[in-house]
Amino acid sequence: MSAPPFHLVAWAVLQRPDERILLARRSNVSYGNGLWGLPGGHVEDNETLPQAAAREALEEVGVRLDPASLLLLGMTRYVDNSEADIVRGLDAFYLAVDWQGEAQPVSECSEVGWFSPHDLPPDALPWLDTAVSRHLVERTAFREDLG
């Protein structure tokens, strides 16, 4: 029996001076379709975590991030037993306070919006509120969700 796949995912947390963060409504995707989430996705073998966060932000919401300027907010390791298959992974969250371009839906999202980290929309990815609270608000560097 082979081990379940391990998902390595990098997320970009774009934050304006008024502290609002950018979310994108996921569209035509296999995970979280129709829900609000951060720009982000799987890390390719030939890129670093910050490079992946920057690439995903450009692909999904059309903004250019400098990977060298991204600040690691924290990481969450997870094991999800709630589905038929076990899903394991590590999410890395990077803060961006400077970018080029105007955020707009480009790929895998239907709309974008700016939200207070203390008042995220109810139709967001189920883990998003906890991740934003722990990593952005409380500045907890690492957490594990072995649910």
Protein backbone atom coordinates (compact mmCIF):
# COMPACT_ATOMS: atom_id res chain seq x y z
CA MET A 1 0.00 0.00 0.00
CA SER A 2 1.46 3.36 -1.03
CA ALA A 3 1.52 6.43 1.18
CA PRO A 4 -1.09 9.10 0.46
CA PRO A 5 0.15 12.15 -1.45
CA PHE A 6 1.63 15.05 0.49
CA HIS A 7 0.39 18.49 -0.56
CA LEU A 8 2.86 21.37 -0.26
CA VAL A 9 0.91 24.60 -0.74
CA ALA A 10 1.98 28.27 -0.65
CA TRP A 11 -0.58 31.02 0.02
CA ALA A 12 -0.22 34.78 -0.51
CA VAL A 13 -1.82 37.07 2.08
CA LEU A 14 -2.00 40.47 0.39
CA GLN A 15 -2.70 43.11 3.02
CA ARG A 16 -3.46 46.80 2.43
CA PRO A 17 -2.53 49.59 4.90
CA ASP A 18 -6.13 49.50 6.22
CA GLU A 19 -5.36 45.86 7.23
CA ARG A 20 -7.88 44.34 4.81
CA ILE A 21 -6.74 41.19 3.03
CA LEU A 22 -7.44 40.03 -0.51
CA LEU A 23 -9.63 37.01 -1.05
CA ALA A 24 -10.69 35.42 -4.32
CA ARG A 25 -13.82 33.36 -4.93
CA ARG A 26 -12.60 29.99 -6.21
CA SER A 27 -14.09 28.94 -9.55
CA ASN A 28 -13.74 25.86 -11.75
CA VAL A 29 -11.46 24.13 -9.24
CA SER A 30 -11.67 20.71 -7.61
CA TYR A 31 -11.21 21.99 -4.06
CA GLY A 32 -13.41 24.66 -2.48
CA ASN A 33 -15.24 25.63 -5.65
CA GLY A 34 -17.41 28.72 -5.04
CA LEU A 35 -15.75 29.56 -1.70
CA TRP A 36 -13.59 32.55 -0.82
CA GLY A 37 -9.89 31.84 -0.30
CA LEU A 38 -6.42 33.28 -0.51
CA PRO A 39 -4.50 33.18 -3.78
CA GLY A 40 -2.28 30.15 -3.62
CA GLY A 41 -1.62 26.62 -4.75
CA HIS A 42 0.73 23.70 -5.02
CA VAL A 43 4.48 24.30 -5.04
CA GLU A 44 6.26 23.05 -8.16
CA ASP A 45 9.46 21.01 -7.80
CA ASN A 46 11.56 23.76 -9.40
CA GLU A 47 10.42 26.67 -7.19
CA THR A 48 10.76 27.87 -3.63
CA LEU A 49 7.74 28.40 -1.39
CA PRO A 50 7.80 32.22 -1.85
CA GLN A 51 8.19 31.78 -5.62
CA ALA A 52 5.12 29.55 -5.64
CA ALA A 53 3.07 32.10 -3.64
CA ALA A 54 4.12 34.83 -6.08
CA ARG A 55 3.35 32.69 -9.14
CA GLU A 56 -0.07 31.73 -7.85
CA ALA A 57 -0.94 35.37 -7.04
CA LEU A 58 -0.08 36.37 -10.60
CA GLU A 59 -1.98 33.44 -12.14
CA GLU A 60 -5.10 33.83 -10.00
CA VAL A 61 -5.50 37.54 -9.25
CA GLY A 62 -3.09 39.27 -11.67
CA VAL A 63 -0.72 40.92 -9.20
CA ARG A 64 3.07 40.69 -9.25
CA LEU A 65 4.82 39.89 -6.00
CA ASP A 66 8.56 39.92 -5.38
CA PRO A 67 9.28 36.55 -3.72
CA ALA A 68 12.23 38.10 -1.86
CA SER A 69 9.92 40.63 -0.17
CA LEU A 70 7.40 38.08 1.10
CA LEU A 71 7.36 37.52 4.86
CA LEU A 72 6.64 34.03 6.15
CA LEU A 73 3.68 34.38 8.52
CA GLY A 74 3.52 30.73 9.45
CA MET A 75 2.90 27.16 8.41
CA THR A 76 0.16 24.66 9.11
CA ARG A 77 0.73 20.92 8.84
CA TYR A 78 -2.47 18.96 8.39
CA VAL A 79 -3.81 15.44 8.22
CA ASP A 80 -7.43 15.31 7.08
CA ASN A 81 -9.21 12.01 7.73
CA SER A 82 -12.67 13.38 6.92
CA GLU A 83 -12.77 12.04 3.36
CA ALA A 84 -12.44 8.51 1.97
CA ASP A 85 -8.76 9.19 1.32
CA ILE A 86 -6.40 10.66 3.88
CA VAL A 87 -5.06 14.04 2.79
CA ARG A 88 -1.74 15.22 4.25
CA GLY A 89 0.07 18.45 3.65
CA LEU A 90 1.80 21.62 4.71
CA ASP A 91 0.45 25.10 4.00
CA ALA A 92 2.87 28.05 4.05
CA PHE A 93 1.37 31.55 4.42
CA TYR A 94 3.30 34.57 3.10
CA LEU A 95 2.48 38.21 3.81
CA ALA A 96 2.69 40.70 0.94
CA VAL A 97 2.29 44.42 1.66
CA ASP A 98 3.67 45.59 -1.69
CA TRP A 99 2.69 44.41 -5.18
CA GLN A 100 2.33 45.58 -8.74
CA GLY A 101 -0.99 45.60 -10.54
CA GLU A 102 -4.64 45.76 -9.58
CA ALA A 103 -6.19 42.61 -8.15
CA GLN A 104 -8.77 41.08 -10.45
CA PRO A 105 -10.05 37.59 -11.25
CA VAL A 106 -7.73 35.99 -13.80
CA SER A 107 -7.77 32.21 -13.43
CA GLU A 108 -9.50 29.79 -11.07
CA CYS A 109 -11.52 32.59 -9.46
CA SER A 110 -14.65 34.53 -10.36
CA GLU A 111 -14.30 37.63 -8.16
CA VAL A 112 -11.97 39.29 -5.70
CA GLY A 113 -12.65 41.34 -2.59
CA TRP A 114 -10.93 42.96 0.36
CA PHE A 115 -11.98 41.77 3.82
CA SER A 116 -11.11 42.49 7.42
CA PRO A 117 -9.10 39.60 8.87
CA HIS A 118 -11.49 39.80 11.85
CA ASP A 119 -14.62 39.50 9.68
CA LEU A 120 -14.14 37.00 6.86
CA PRO A 121 -17.12 36.00 4.72
CA PRO A 122 -19.15 33.02 5.95
CA ASP A 123 -18.70 31.24 2.60
CA ALA A 124 -14.91 31.03 2.87
CA LEU A 125 -12.79 27.88 2.89
CA PRO A 126 -13.56 26.12 6.20
CA TRP A 127 -10.03 26.52 7.61
CA LEU A 128 -9.42 30.08 6.43
CA ASP A 129 -10.67 31.90 9.53
CA THR A 130 -8.46 29.81 11.81
CA ALA A 131 -5.41 30.18 9.55
CA VAL A 132 -5.79 33.96 9.26
CA SER A 133 -6.40 34.32 13.01
CA ARG A 134 -3.45 32.17 13.99
CA HIS A 135 -0.87 33.27 11.43
CA LEU A 136 -1.78 36.89 10.57
CA VAL A 137 -3.48 38.19 13.70
CA GLU A 138 -1.79 36.19 16.49
CA ARG A 139 1.48 35.61 14.57
CA THR A 140 1.66 31.94 15.52
CA ALA A 141 4.51 30.57 13.41
CA PHE A 142 3.51 26.91 13.29
CA ARG A 143 0.46 24.85 14.03
CA GLU A 144 -0.66 21.30 13.40
CA ASP A 145 -4.20 20.18 12.58
CA LEU A 146 -4.27 16.42 12.89
CA GLY A 147 -8.07 16.25 12.74
